[in-house]
């Protein structure tokens, strides 16, 4: 196990493809119910679901590269909050969406069920 802090982790590139309907506003949702990382405090595995909802502009996220991107977290020590925000930052950098929300929902640990949500809105960034 390696201990990572938000922003220092090397992840594989996220590939994209041209949006087939760039003139239409629509929502894409991808759900990964098998996400794993490692608790940086205990070294125990964390299991969660990652949900990505976004409104594409010119580019869409390619799913095979997204799968390998997720797998790169498997042995990384990283907090829930850092995982959620790093995924959002990496995906926004890859596809430049109009809007994107990343939600991570983690299996109960110590009697606490955690849900973390981070959002990006292009109009608020300009």
C-alpha atoms as a PDB file:
ATOM      1  CA  UNK A   1       0.000   0.000   0.000  1.00  0.00           C
ATOM      2  CA  UNK A   2       1.169   3.521  -0.760  1.00  0.00           C
ATOM      3  CA  UNK A   3      -0.045   6.590   1.077  1.00  0.00           C
ATOM      4  CA  UNK A   4      -1.232   9.279  -1.282  1.00  0.00           C
ATOM      5  CA  UNK A   5      -2.484  12.777  -0.684  1.00  0.00           C
ATOM      6  CA  UNK A   6      -4.914  14.539  -2.968  1.00  0.00           C
ATOM      7  CA  UNK A   7      -3.150  15.747  -6.078  1.00  0.00           C
ATOM      8  CA  UNK A   8      -0.006  13.587  -5.913  1.00  0.00           C
ATOM      9  CA  UNK A   9      -1.323  10.327  -7.330  1.00  0.00           C
ATOM     10  CA  UNK A  10      -0.383   9.093 -10.802  1.00  0.00           C
ATOM     11  CA  UNK A  11      -3.424   7.794 -12.645  1.00  0.00           C
ATOM     12  CA  UNK A  12      -3.762   6.551 -16.225  1.00  0.00           C
ATOM     13  CA  UNK A  13      -5.143   9.023 -18.767  1.00  0.00           C
ATOM     14  CA  UNK A  14      -8.883   9.267 -19.289  1.00  0.00           C
ATOM     15  CA  UNK A  15      -9.681   9.029 -22.966  1.00  0.00           C
ATOM     16  CA  UNK A  16     -12.565  10.831 -24.633  1.00  0.00           C
ATOM     17  CA  UNK A  17     -14.458  10.746 -27.913  1.00  0.00           C
ATOM     18  CA  UNK A  18     -16.427  13.400 -29.826  1.00  0.00           C
ATOM     19  CA  UNK A  19     -19.894  14.105 -28.483  1.00  0.00           C
ATOM     20  CA  UNK A  20     -22.323  12.663 -31.067  1.00  0.00           C
ATOM     21  CA  UNK A  21     -24.931  15.357 -30.253  1.00  0.00           C
ATOM     22  CA  UNK A  22     -22.982  18.501 -29.263  1.00  0.00           C
ATOM     23  CA  UNK A  23     -25.923  20.807 -29.989  1.00  0.00           C
ATOM     24  CA  UNK A  24     -28.245  19.009 -27.573  1.00  0.00           C
ATOM     25  CA  UNK A  25     -28.166  19.428 -23.805  1.00  0.00           C
ATOM     26  CA  UNK A  26     -28.392  15.954 -22.255  1.00  0.00           C
ATOM     27  CA  UNK A  27     -27.149  14.114 -19.177  1.00  0.00           C
ATOM     28  CA  UNK A  28     -24.787  11.134 -19.115  1.00  0.00           C
ATOM     29  CA  UNK A  29     -24.624   9.009 -15.949  1.00  0.00           C
ATOM     30  CA  UNK A  30     -21.996   6.342 -15.271  1.00  0.00           C
ATOM     31  CA  UNK A  31     -22.166   4.196 -12.109  1.00  0.00           C
ATOM     32  CA  UNK A  32     -19.336   1.999 -10.820  1.00  0.00           C
ATOM     33  CA  UNK A  33     -20.585  -0.110  -7.879  1.00  0.00           C
ATOM     34  CA  UNK A  34     -17.200  -1.851  -7.437  1.00  0.00           C
ATOM     35  CA  UNK A  35     -14.800   0.992  -6.593  1.00  0.00           C
ATOM     36  CA  UNK A  36     -12.031   0.183  -4.108  1.00  0.00           C
ATOM     37  CA  UNK A  37      -9.295   2.150  -2.404  1.00  0.00           C
ATOM     38  CA  UNK A  38      -7.486   1.863   0.928  1.00  0.00           C
ATOM     39  CA  UNK A  39      -8.019   3.778   4.161  1.00  0.00           C
ATOM     40  CA  UNK A  40      -4.799   5.756   4.740  1.00  0.00           C
ATOM     41  CA  UNK A  41      -5.236   5.517   8.523  1.00  0.00           C
ATOM     42  CA  UNK A  42      -5.892   1.787   8.949  1.00  0.00           C
ATOM     43  CA  UNK A  43      -4.681   0.242   5.689  1.00  0.00           C
ATOM     44  CA  UNK A  44      -8.028  -1.548   5.387  1.00  0.00           C
ATOM     45  CA  UNK A  45      -9.864  -1.632   2.053  1.00  0.00           C
ATOM     46  CA  UNK A  46     -12.669   0.830   1.386  1.00  0.00           C
ATOM     47  CA  UNK A  47     -15.513  -0.250  -0.901  1.00  0.00           C
ATOM     48  CA  UNK A  48     -17.797   2.214  -2.582  1.00  0.00           C
ATOM     49  CA  UNK A  49     -19.941   3.243  -5.516  1.00  0.00           C
ATOM     50  CA  UNK A  50     -18.875   6.107  -7.775  1.00  0.00           C
ATOM     51  CA  UNK A  51     -21.592   7.900  -9.748  1.00  0.00           C
ATOM     52  CA  UNK A  52     -20.691  10.443 -12.414  1.00  0.00           C
ATOM     53  CA  UNK A  53     -23.401  12.691 -13.881  1.00  0.00           C
ATOM     54  CA  UNK A  54     -22.405  15.206 -16.505  1.00  0.00           C
ATOM     55  CA  UNK A  55     -23.644  17.373 -19.326  1.00  0.00           C
ATOM     56  CA  UNK A  56     -21.105  17.023 -22.129  1.00  0.00           C
ATOM     57  CA  UNK A  57     -19.894  19.750 -24.416  1.00  0.00           C
ATOM     58  CA  UNK A  58     -17.545  18.628 -27.210  1.00  0.00           C
ATOM     59  CA  UNK A  59     -16.130  15.439 -25.611  1.00  0.00           C
ATOM     60  CA  UNK A  60     -17.540  12.358 -23.824  1.00  0.00           C
ATOM     61  CA  UNK A  61     -15.709   9.994 -21.469  1.00  0.00           C
ATOM     62  CA  UNK A  62     -14.580   6.676 -22.953  1.00  0.00           C
ATOM     63  CA  UNK A  63     -15.551   3.836 -20.595  1.00  0.00           C
ATOM     64  CA  UNK A  64     -12.626   1.417 -20.974  1.00  0.00           C
ATOM     65  CA  UNK A  65     -10.136   4.097 -19.952  1.00  0.00           C
ATOM     66  CA  UNK A  66     -12.467   5.090 -17.098  1.00  0.00           C
ATOM     67  CA  UNK A  67     -12.415   1.496 -15.849  1.00  0.00           C
ATOM     68  CA  UNK A  68      -8.596   1.430 -15.810  1.00  0.00           C
ATOM     69  CA  UNK A  69      -8.556   4.836 -14.160  1.00  0.00           C
ATOM     70  CA  UNK A  70     -10.761   3.487 -11.355  1.00  0.00           C
ATOM     71  CA  UNK A  71      -8.587   0.379 -10.970  1.00  0.00           C
ATOM     72  CA  UNK A  72      -5.543   2.572 -10.309  1.00  0.00           C
ATOM     73  CA  UNK A  73      -7.044   3.466  -6.909  1.00  0.00           C
ATOM     74  CA  UNK A  74      -7.257  -0.156  -5.753  1.00  0.00           C
ATOM     75  CA  UNK A  75      -4.091  -0.110  -3.596  1.00  0.00           C
ATOM     76  CA  UNK A  76      -3.895   3.609  -2.863  1.00  0.00           C
ATOM     77  CA  UNK A  77      -4.254   5.063   0.615  1.00  0.00           C
ATOM     78  CA  UNK A  78      -6.573   8.032   0.105  1.00  0.00           C
ATOM     79  CA  UNK A  79      -9.456   9.580   2.056  1.00  0.00           C
ATOM     80  CA  UNK A  80     -13.036   9.531   0.709  1.00  0.00           C
ATOM     81  CA  UNK A  81     -13.076  13.297   0.281  1.00  0.00           C
ATOM     82  CA  UNK A  82      -9.811  13.301  -1.673  1.00  0.00           C
ATOM     83  CA  UNK A  83     -10.945  10.460  -3.956  1.00  0.00           C
ATOM     84  CA  UNK A  84     -14.162  12.264  -4.818  1.00  0.00           C
ATOM     85  CA  UNK A  85     -12.498  15.593  -5.563  1.00  0.00           C
ATOM     86  CA  UNK A  86      -9.609  14.052  -7.517  1.00  0.00           C
ATOM     87  CA  UNK A  87     -11.998  12.081  -9.728  1.00  0.00           C
ATOM     88  CA  UNK A  88     -13.973  15.264 -10.412  1.00  0.00           C
ATOM     89  CA  UNK A  89     -10.842  17.288 -11.221  1.00  0.00           C
ATOM     90  CA  UNK A  90      -9.421  14.589 -13.508  1.00  0.00           C
ATOM     91  CA  UNK A  91     -12.683  14.062 -15.404  1.00  0.00           C
ATOM     92  CA  UNK A  92     -13.314  17.788 -15.851  1.00  0.00           C
ATOM     93  CA  UNK A  93      -9.766  18.176 -17.201  1.00  0.00           C
ATOM     94  CA  UNK A  94     -10.332  15.273 -19.610  1.00  0.00           C
ATOM     95  CA  UNK A  95     -13.692  16.232 -21.133  1.00  0.00           C
ATOM     96  CA  UNK A  96     -14.419  19.907 -20.259  1.00  0.00           C
ATOM     97  CA  UNK A  97     -18.142  19.348 -19.516  1.00  0.00           C
ATOM     98  CA  UNK A  98     -20.828  21.971 -19.072  1.00  0.00           C
ATOM     99  CA  UNK A  99     -21.597  20.503 -15.640  1.00  0.00           C
ATOM    100  CA  UNK A 100     -20.425  17.463 -13.692  1.00  0.00           C
ATOM    101  CA  UNK A 101     -21.174  15.926 -10.304  1.00  0.00           C
ATOM    102  CA  UNK A 102     -19.224  13.046  -8.790  1.00  0.00           C
ATOM    103  CA  UNK A 103     -20.863  11.221  -5.899  1.00  0.00           C
ATOM    104  CA  UNK A 104     -19.115   8.520  -3.895  1.00  0.00           C
ATOM    105  CA  UNK A 105     -21.112   6.342  -1.522  1.00  0.00           C
ATOM    106  CA  UNK A 106     -19.092   4.193   0.854  1.00  0.00           C
ATOM    107  CA  UNK A 107     -19.973   1.014   2.695  1.00  0.00           C
ATOM    108  CA  UNK A 108     -20.641   1.535   6.369  1.00  0.00           C
ATOM    109  CA  UNK A 109     -17.555   1.637   8.553  1.00  0.00           C
ATOM    110  CA  UNK A 110     -17.719   2.026  12.323  1.00  0.00           C
ATOM    111  CA  UNK A 111     -21.474   2.534  12.082  1.00  0.00           C
ATOM    112  CA  UNK A 112     -21.087   5.543   9.759  1.00  0.00           C
ATOM    113  CA  UNK A 113     -22.330   5.564   6.165  1.00  0.00           C
ATOM    114  CA  UNK A 114     -20.547   8.260   4.122  1.00  0.00           C
ATOM    115  CA  UNK A 115     -21.685   9.958   0.916  1.00  0.00           C
ATOM    116  CA  UNK A 116     -19.412  12.586  -0.635  1.00  0.00           C
ATOM    117  CA  UNK A 117     -20.477  14.836  -3.519  1.00  0.00           C
ATOM    118  CA  UNK A 118     -18.385  17.308  -5.518  1.00  0.00           C
ATOM    119  CA  UNK A 119     -19.676  19.447  -8.392  1.00  0.00           C
ATOM    120  CA  UNK A 120     -18.358  21.549 -11.253  1.00  0.00           C
ATOM    121  CA  UNK A 121     -20.333  24.140 -13.243  1.00  0.00           C
ATOM    122  CA  UNK A 122     -18.530  25.661 -16.203  1.00  0.00           C
ATOM    123  CA  UNK A 123     -20.526  28.897 -15.979  1.00  0.00           C
ATOM    124  CA  UNK A 124     -19.218  29.470 -12.437  1.00  0.00           C
ATOM    125  CA  UNK A 125     -15.586  28.928 -13.483  1.00  0.00           C
ATOM    126  CA  UNK A 126     -15.383  31.677 -16.096  1.00  0.00           C
END
